[in-house]
ModelCIF file with pLDDT and N, C-alpha, C, O atoms, coordinates in Angstrom:
data_MODEL
#
_entry.id   MODEL 
#
_entity.id                         1 
_entity.type                       polymer 
_entity.pdbx_number_of_molecules   1 
#
_entity_poly.entity_id                      1 
_entity_poly.type                           'polypeptide(L)' 
_entity_poly.nstd_linkage                   no 
_entity_poly.nstd_monomer                   no 
_entity_poly.pdbx_seq_one_letter_code       MGMNHFGEISRLTRQVRPTVGMITNIGVSHIE 
_entity_poly.pdbx_seq_one_letter_code_can   MGMNHFGEISRLTRQVRPTVGMITNIGVSHIE 
_entity_poly.pdbx_strand_id                 A 
#
loop_
_entity_poly_seq.entity_id 
_entity_poly_seq.num 
_entity_poly_seq.mon_id 
_entity_poly_seq.hetero 
1 1  MET n 
1 2  GLY n 
1 3  MET n 
1 4  ASN n 
1 5  HIS n 
1 6  PHE n 
1 7  GLY n 
1 8  GLU n 
1 9  ILE n 
1 10 SER n 
1 11 ARG n 
1 12 LEU n 
1 13 THR n 
1 14 ARG n 
1 15 GLN n 
1 16 VAL n 
1 17 ARG n 
1 18 PRO n 
1 19 THR n 
1 20 VAL n 
1 21 GLY n 
1 22 MET n 
1 23 ILE n 
1 24 THR n 
1 25 ASN n 
1 26 ILE n 
1 27 GLY n 
1 28 VAL n 
1 29 SER n 
1 30 HIS n 
1 31 ILE n 
1 32 GLU n 
#
_struct_asym.id          A 
_struct_asym.entity_id   1 
#
loop_
_ma_qa_metric.id 
_ma_qa_metric.mode 
_ma_qa_metric.name 
_ma_qa_metric.software_group_id 
_ma_qa_metric.type 
1 global pLDDT . pLDDT 
2 local  pLDDT . pLDDT 
#
_ma_qa_metric_global.metric_id      1 
_ma_qa_metric_global.metric_value   89.28 
_ma_qa_metric_global.model_id       1 
_ma_qa_metric_global.ordinal_id     1 
#
loop_
_ma_qa_metric_local.label_asym_id 
_ma_qa_metric_local.label_comp_id 
_ma_qa_metric_local.label_seq_id 
_ma_qa_metric_local.metric_id 
_ma_qa_metric_local.metric_value 
_ma_qa_metric_local.model_id 
_ma_qa_metric_local.ordinal_id 
A MET 1  2 96.00 1 1  
A GLY 2  2 90.00 1 2  
A MET 3  2 87.00 1 3  
A ASN 4  2 80.00 1 4  
A HIS 5  2 87.00 1 5  
A PHE 6  2 90.00 1 6  
A GLY 7  2 92.00 1 7  
A GLU 8  2 95.00 1 8  
A ILE 9  2 95.00 1 9  
A SER 10 2 97.00 1 10 
A ARG 11 2 97.00 1 11 
A LEU 12 2 98.00 1 12 
A THR 13 2 97.00 1 13 
A ARG 14 2 98.00 1 14 
A GLN 15 2 98.00 1 15 
A VAL 16 2 98.00 1 16 
A ARG 17 2 98.00 1 17 
A PRO 18 2 98.00 1 18 
A THR 19 2 98.00 1 19 
A VAL 20 2 98.00 1 20 
A GLY 21 2 97.00 1 21 
A MET 22 2 97.00 1 22 
A ILE 23 2 96.00 1 23 
A THR 24 2 94.00 1 24 
A ASN 25 2 90.00 1 25 
A ILE 26 2 86.00 1 26 
A GLY 27 2 78.00 1 27 
A VAL 28 2 71.00 1 28 
A SER 29 2 67.00 1 29 
A HIS 30 2 62.00 1 30 
A ILE 31 2 67.00 1 31 
A GLU 32 2 65.00 1 32 
#
loop_
_atom_site.group_PDB 
_atom_site.id 
_atom_site.type_symbol 
_atom_site.label_atom_id 
_atom_site.label_alt_id 
_atom_site.label_comp_id 
_atom_site.label_asym_id 
_atom_site.label_entity_id 
_atom_site.label_seq_id 
_atom_site.pdbx_PDB_ins_code 
_atom_site.Cartn_x 
_atom_site.Cartn_y 
_atom_site.Cartn_z 
_atom_site.occupancy 
_atom_site.B_iso_or_equiv 
_atom_site.pdbx_formal_charge 
_atom_site.auth_seq_id 
_atom_site.auth_comp_id 
_atom_site.auth_asym_id 
_atom_site.auth_atom_id 
_atom_site.pdbx_PDB_model_num 
ATOM 1   N N  . MET A 1 1  ? 4.062  54.750 117.291 1.00 96.00 ? 1  MET A N  1 
ATOM 2   C CA . MET A 1 1  ? 3.964  53.551 118.092 1.00 96.00 ? 1  MET A CA 1 
ATOM 3   C C  . MET A 1 1  ? 3.954  53.862 119.529 1.00 96.00 ? 1  MET A C  1 
ATOM 4   O O  . MET A 1 1  ? 4.870  54.495 120.054 1.00 96.00 ? 1  MET A O  1 
ATOM 5   N N  . GLY A 1 2  ? 2.882  53.405 120.202 1.00 90.00 ? 2  GLY A N  1 
ATOM 6   C CA . GLY A 1 2  ? 2.821  53.581 121.663 1.00 90.00 ? 2  GLY A CA 1 
ATOM 7   C C  . GLY A 1 2  ? 2.912  52.279 122.377 1.00 90.00 ? 2  GLY A C  1 
ATOM 8   O O  . GLY A 1 2  ? 2.883  51.218 121.753 1.00 90.00 ? 2  GLY A O  1 
ATOM 9   N N  . MET A 1 3  ? 3.023  52.339 123.702 1.00 87.00 ? 3  MET A N  1 
ATOM 10  C CA . MET A 1 3  ? 3.109  51.015 124.447 1.00 87.00 ? 3  MET A CA 1 
ATOM 11  C C  . MET A 1 3  ? 2.768  51.307 125.913 1.00 87.00 ? 3  MET A C  1 
ATOM 12  O O  . MET A 1 3  ? 2.818  52.434 126.406 1.00 87.00 ? 3  MET A O  1 
ATOM 13  N N  . ASN A 1 4  ? 2.411  50.171 126.576 1.00 80.00 ? 4  ASN A N  1 
ATOM 14  C CA . ASN A 1 4  ? 2.227  50.254 128.027 1.00 80.00 ? 4  ASN A CA 1 
ATOM 15  C C  . ASN A 1 4  ? 3.151  49.192 128.736 1.00 80.00 ? 4  ASN A C  1 
ATOM 16  O O  . ASN A 1 4  ? 3.461  49.299 129.922 1.00 80.00 ? 4  ASN A O  1 
ATOM 17  N N  . HIS A 1 5  ? 3.554  48.200 127.957 1.00 87.00 ? 5  HIS A N  1 
ATOM 18  C CA . HIS A 1 5  ? 4.313  47.117 128.530 1.00 87.00 ? 5  HIS A CA 1 
ATOM 19  C C  . HIS A 1 5  ? 5.518  46.758 127.668 1.00 87.00 ? 5  HIS A C  1 
ATOM 20  O O  . HIS A 1 5  ? 5.620  47.173 126.513 1.00 87.00 ? 5  HIS A O  1 
ATOM 21  N N  . PHE A 1 6  ? 6.440  45.971 128.257 1.00 90.00 ? 6  PHE A N  1 
ATOM 22  C CA . PHE A 1 6  ? 7.590  45.520 127.442 1.00 90.00 ? 6  PHE A CA 1 
ATOM 23  C C  . PHE A 1 6  ? 7.052  44.640 126.343 1.00 90.00 ? 6  PHE A C  1 
ATOM 24  O O  . PHE A 1 6  ? 6.062  43.933 126.530 1.00 90.00 ? 6  PHE A O  1 
ATOM 25  N N  . GLY A 1 7  ? 7.699  44.681 125.199 1.00 92.00 ? 7  GLY A N  1 
ATOM 26  C CA . GLY A 1 7  ? 7.323  43.795 124.078 1.00 92.00 ? 7  GLY A CA 1 
ATOM 27  C C  . GLY A 1 7  ? 6.480  44.370 123.065 1.00 92.00 ? 7  GLY A C  1 
ATOM 28  O O  . GLY A 1 7  ? 6.460  43.910 121.923 1.00 92.00 ? 7  GLY A O  1 
ATOM 29  N N  . GLU A 1 8  ? 5.765  45.382 123.434 1.00 95.00 ? 8  GLU A N  1 
ATOM 30  C CA . GLU A 1 8  ? 4.744  45.987 122.526 1.00 95.00 ? 8  GLU A CA 1 
ATOM 31  C C  . GLU A 1 8  ? 5.395  46.700 121.355 1.00 95.00 ? 8  GLU A C  1 
ATOM 32  O O  . GLU A 1 8  ? 4.996  46.500 120.208 1.00 95.00 ? 8  GLU A O  1 
ATOM 33  N N  . ILE A 1 9  ? 6.377  47.518 121.625 1.00 95.00 ? 9  ILE A N  1 
ATOM 34  C CA . ILE A 1 9  ? 7.068  48.273 120.595 1.00 95.00 ? 9  ILE A CA 1 
ATOM 35  C C  . ILE A 1 9  ? 7.753  47.258 119.679 1.00 95.00 ? 9  ILE A C  1 
ATOM 36  O O  . ILE A 1 9  ? 7.696  47.376 118.455 1.00 95.00 ? 9  ILE A O  1 
ATOM 37  N N  . SER A 1 10 ? 8.403  46.257 120.290 1.00 97.00 ? 10 SER A N  1 
ATOM 38  C CA . SER A 1 10 ? 9.044  45.085 119.479 1.00 97.00 ? 10 SER A CA 1 
ATOM 39  C C  . SER A 1 10 ? 8.088  44.547 118.463 1.00 97.00 ? 10 SER A C  1 
ATOM 40  O O  . SER A 1 10 ? 8.412  44.422 117.282 1.00 97.00 ? 10 SER A O  1 
ATOM 41  N N  . ARG A 1 11 ? 6.883  44.221 118.937 1.00 97.00 ? 11 ARG A N  1 
ATOM 42  C CA . ARG A 1 11 ? 5.918  43.497 118.044 1.00 97.00 ? 11 ARG A CA 1 
ATOM 43  C C  . ARG A 1 11 ? 5.504  44.577 116.949 1.00 97.00 ? 11 ARG A C  1 
ATOM 44  O O  . ARG A 1 11 ? 5.340  44.223 115.781 1.00 97.00 ? 11 ARG A O  1 
ATOM 45  N N  . LEU A 1 12 ? 5.351  45.805 117.317 1.00 98.00 ? 12 LEU A N  1 
ATOM 46  C CA . LEU A 1 12 ? 4.909  46.827 116.353 1.00 98.00 ? 12 LEU A CA 1 
ATOM 47  C C  . LEU A 1 12 ? 6.000  47.117 115.329 1.00 98.00 ? 12 LEU A C  1 
ATOM 48  O O  . LEU A 1 12 ? 5.727  47.090 114.129 1.00 98.00 ? 12 LEU A O  1 
ATOM 49  N N  . THR A 1 13 ? 7.139  47.372 115.735 1.00 97.00 ? 13 THR A N  1 
ATOM 50  C CA . THR A 1 13 ? 8.219  47.780 114.885 1.00 97.00 ? 13 THR A CA 1 
ATOM 51  C C  . THR A 1 13 ? 8.640  46.672 113.838 1.00 97.00 ? 13 THR A C  1 
ATOM 52  O O  . THR A 1 13 ? 9.096  46.960 112.731 1.00 97.00 ? 13 THR A O  1 
ATOM 53  N N  . ARG A 1 14 ? 8.459  45.460 114.258 1.00 98.00 ? 14 ARG A N  1 
ATOM 54  C CA . ARG A 1 14 ? 8.743  44.367 113.357 1.00 98.00 ? 14 ARG A CA 1 
ATOM 55  C C  . ARG A 1 14 ? 7.825  44.249 112.185 1.00 98.00 ? 14 ARG A C  1 
ATOM 56  O O  . ARG A 1 14 ? 8.166  43.673 111.152 1.00 98.00 ? 14 ARG A O  1 
ATOM 57  N N  . GLN A 1 15 ? 6.594  44.833 112.369 1.00 98.00 ? 15 GLN A N  1 
ATOM 58  C CA . GLN A 1 15 ? 5.582  44.915 111.272 1.00 98.00 ? 15 GLN A CA 1 
ATOM 59  C C  . GLN A 1 15 ? 5.771  46.143 110.498 1.00 98.00 ? 15 GLN A C  1 
ATOM 60  O O  . GLN A 1 15 ? 5.628  46.123 109.275 1.00 98.00 ? 15 GLN A O  1 
ATOM 61  N N  . VAL A 1 16 ? 6.110  47.301 111.187 1.00 98.00 ? 16 VAL A N  1 
ATOM 62  C CA . VAL A 1 16 ? 6.114  48.592 110.546 1.00 98.00 ? 16 VAL A CA 1 
ATOM 63  C C  . VAL A 1 16 ? 7.427  48.670 109.685 1.00 98.00 ? 16 VAL A C  1 
ATOM 64  O O  . VAL A 1 16 ? 7.421  49.253 108.601 1.00 98.00 ? 16 VAL A O  1 
ATOM 65  N N  . ARG A 1 17 ? 8.508  48.094 110.174 1.00 98.00 ? 17 ARG A N  1 
ATOM 66  C CA . ARG A 1 17 ? 9.772  48.090 109.566 1.00 98.00 ? 17 ARG A CA 1 
ATOM 67  C C  . ARG A 1 17 ? 10.199 49.467 109.048 1.00 98.00 ? 17 ARG A C  1 
ATOM 68  O O  . ARG A 1 17 ? 10.326 49.666 107.840 1.00 98.00 ? 17 ARG A O  1 
ATOM 69  N N  . PRO A 1 18 ? 10.418 50.403 109.950 1.00 98.00 ? 18 PRO A N  1 
ATOM 70  C CA . PRO A 1 18 ? 10.669 51.812 109.600 1.00 98.00 ? 18 PRO A CA 1 
ATOM 71  C C  . PRO A 1 18 ? 12.042 51.903 108.888 1.00 98.00 ? 18 PRO A C  1 
ATOM 72  O O  . PRO A 1 18 ? 12.971 51.155 109.195 1.00 98.00 ? 18 PRO A O  1 
ATOM 73  N N  . THR A 1 19 ? 12.128 52.819 107.957 1.00 98.00 ? 19 THR A N  1 
ATOM 74  C CA . THR A 1 19 ? 13.410 53.200 107.403 1.00 98.00 ? 19 THR A CA 1 
ATOM 75  C C  . THR A 1 19 ? 14.120 54.312 108.077 1.00 98.00 ? 19 THR A C  1 
ATOM 76  O O  . THR A 1 19 ? 15.312 54.534 107.866 1.00 98.00 ? 19 THR A O  1 
ATOM 77  N N  . VAL A 1 20 ? 13.350 55.051 108.933 1.00 98.00 ? 20 VAL A N  1 
ATOM 78  C CA . VAL A 1 20 ? 13.898 56.085 109.800 1.00 98.00 ? 20 VAL A CA 1 
ATOM 79  C C  . VAL A 1 20 ? 13.227 55.889 111.142 1.00 98.00 ? 20 VAL A C  1 
ATOM 80  O O  . VAL A 1 20 ? 12.001 55.825 111.228 1.00 98.00 ? 20 VAL A O  1 
ATOM 81  N N  . GLY A 1 21 ? 14.049 55.791 112.218 1.00 97.00 ? 21 GLY A N  1 
ATOM 82  C CA . GLY A 1 21 ? 13.455 55.637 113.540 1.00 97.00 ? 21 GLY A CA 1 
ATOM 83  C C  . GLY A 1 21 ? 13.627 56.932 114.311 1.00 97.00 ? 21 GLY A C  1 
ATOM 84  O O  . GLY A 1 21 ? 14.521 57.736 114.048 1.00 97.00 ? 21 GLY A O  1 
ATOM 85  N N  . MET A 1 22 ? 12.708 57.102 115.300 1.00 97.00 ? 22 MET A N  1 
ATOM 86  C CA . MET A 1 22 ? 12.760 58.349 116.148 1.00 97.00 ? 22 MET A CA 1 
ATOM 87  C C  . MET A 1 22 ? 12.210 58.046 117.514 1.00 97.00 ? 22 MET A C  1 
ATOM 88  O O  . MET A 1 22 ? 11.148 57.449 117.687 1.00 97.00 ? 22 MET A O  1 
ATOM 89  N N  . ILE A 1 23 ? 13.004 58.497 118.492 1.00 96.00 ? 23 ILE A N  1 
ATOM 90  C CA . ILE A 1 23 ? 12.501 58.452 119.876 1.00 96.00 ? 23 ILE A CA 1 
ATOM 91  C C  . ILE A 1 23 ? 12.533 59.926 120.449 1.00 96.00 ? 23 ILE A C  1 
ATOM 92  O O  . ILE A 1 23 ? 13.590 60.545 120.568 1.00 96.00 ? 23 ILE A O  1 
ATOM 93  N N  . THR A 1 24 ? 11.335 60.428 120.783 1.00 94.00 ? 24 THR A N  1 
ATOM 94  C CA . THR A 1 24 ? 11.247 61.820 121.149 1.00 94.00 ? 24 THR A CA 1 
ATOM 95  C C  . THR A 1 24 ? 11.843 62.106 122.487 1.00 94.00 ? 24 THR A C  1 
ATOM 96  O O  . THR A 1 24 ? 12.508 63.134 122.613 1.00 94.00 ? 24 THR A O  1 
ATOM 97  N N  . ASN A 1 25 ? 11.674 61.305 123.492 1.00 90.00 ? 25 ASN A N  1 
ATOM 98  C CA . ASN A 1 25 ? 12.188 61.459 124.821 1.00 90.00 ? 25 ASN A CA 1 
ATOM 99  C C  . ASN A 1 25 ? 11.882 60.214 125.686 1.00 90.00 ? 25 ASN A C  1 
ATOM 100 O O  . ASN A 1 25 ? 11.104 59.331 125.326 1.00 90.00 ? 25 ASN A O  1 
ATOM 101 N N  . ILE A 1 26 ? 12.551 60.217 126.842 1.00 86.00 ? 26 ILE A N  1 
ATOM 102 C CA . ILE A 1 26 ? 12.192 59.181 127.842 1.00 86.00 ? 26 ILE A CA 1 
ATOM 103 C C  . ILE A 1 26 ? 11.770 59.879 129.090 1.00 86.00 ? 26 ILE A C  1 
ATOM 104 O O  . ILE A 1 26 ? 12.585 60.566 129.706 1.00 86.00 ? 26 ILE A O  1 
ATOM 105 N N  . GLY A 1 27 ? 10.494 59.736 129.509 1.00 78.00 ? 27 GLY A N  1 
ATOM 106 C CA . GLY A 1 27 ? 10.026 60.333 130.710 1.00 78.00 ? 27 GLY A CA 1 
ATOM 107 C C  . GLY A 1 27 ? 9.662  59.287 131.764 1.00 78.00 ? 27 GLY A C  1 
ATOM 108 O O  . GLY A 1 27 ? 10.431 58.392 132.115 1.00 78.00 ? 27 GLY A O  1 
ATOM 109 N N  . VAL A 1 28 ? 8.366  59.481 132.266 1.00 71.00 ? 28 VAL A N  1 
ATOM 110 C CA . VAL A 1 28 ? 7.895  58.547 133.274 1.00 71.00 ? 28 VAL A CA 1 
ATOM 111 C C  . VAL A 1 28 ? 6.541  57.943 132.915 1.00 71.00 ? 28 VAL A C  1 
ATOM 112 O O  . VAL A 1 28 ? 5.963  57.212 133.720 1.00 71.00 ? 28 VAL A O  1 
ATOM 113 N N  . SER A 1 29 ? 6.016  58.240 131.700 1.00 67.00 ? 29 SER A N  1 
ATOM 114 C CA . SER A 1 29 ? 4.776  57.668 131.305 1.00 67.00 ? 29 SER A CA 1 
ATOM 115 C C  . SER A 1 29 ? 4.887  56.113 131.339 1.00 67.00 ? 29 SER A C  1 
ATOM 116 O O  . SER A 1 29 ? 5.833  55.522 130.819 1.00 67.00 ? 29 SER A O  1 
ATOM 117 N N  . HIS A 1 30 ? 3.866  55.490 131.980 1.00 62.00 ? 30 HIS A N  1 
ATOM 118 C CA . HIS A 1 30 ? 3.738  54.066 132.038 1.00 62.00 ? 30 HIS A CA 1 
ATOM 119 C C  . HIS A 1 30 ? 4.818  53.483 132.976 1.00 62.00 ? 30 HIS A C  1 
ATOM 120 O O  . HIS A 1 30 ? 5.135  52.299 132.862 1.00 62.00 ? 30 HIS A O  1 
ATOM 121 N N  . ILE A 1 31 ? 5.364  54.246 133.859 1.00 67.00 ? 31 ILE A N  1 
ATOM 122 C CA . ILE A 1 31 ? 6.425  53.725 134.752 1.00 67.00 ? 31 ILE A CA 1 
ATOM 123 C C  . ILE A 1 31 ? 5.758  52.693 135.686 1.00 67.00 ? 31 ILE A C  1 
ATOM 124 O O  . ILE A 1 31 ? 6.445  51.812 136.202 1.00 67.00 ? 31 ILE A O  1 
ATOM 125 N N  . GLU A 1 32 ? 4.475  52.782 135.906 1.00 65.00 ? 32 GLU A N  1 
ATOM 126 C CA . GLU A 1 32 ? 3.710  51.887 136.745 1.00 65.00 ? 32 GLU A CA 1 
ATOM 127 C C  . GLU A 1 32 ? 3.935  50.359 136.195 1.00 65.00 ? 32 GLU A C  1 
ATOM 128 O O  . GLU A 1 32 ? 3.379  49.414 136.754 1.00 65.00 ? 32 GLU A O  1 
#
């Protein structure tokens, strides 16, 4: 799941409904 703005991951994950979640890292992509 990718995103550029707030709310996008929320809308995606509510449909995917993962049984295991993963966040690789927090960098500066899309900081703009």
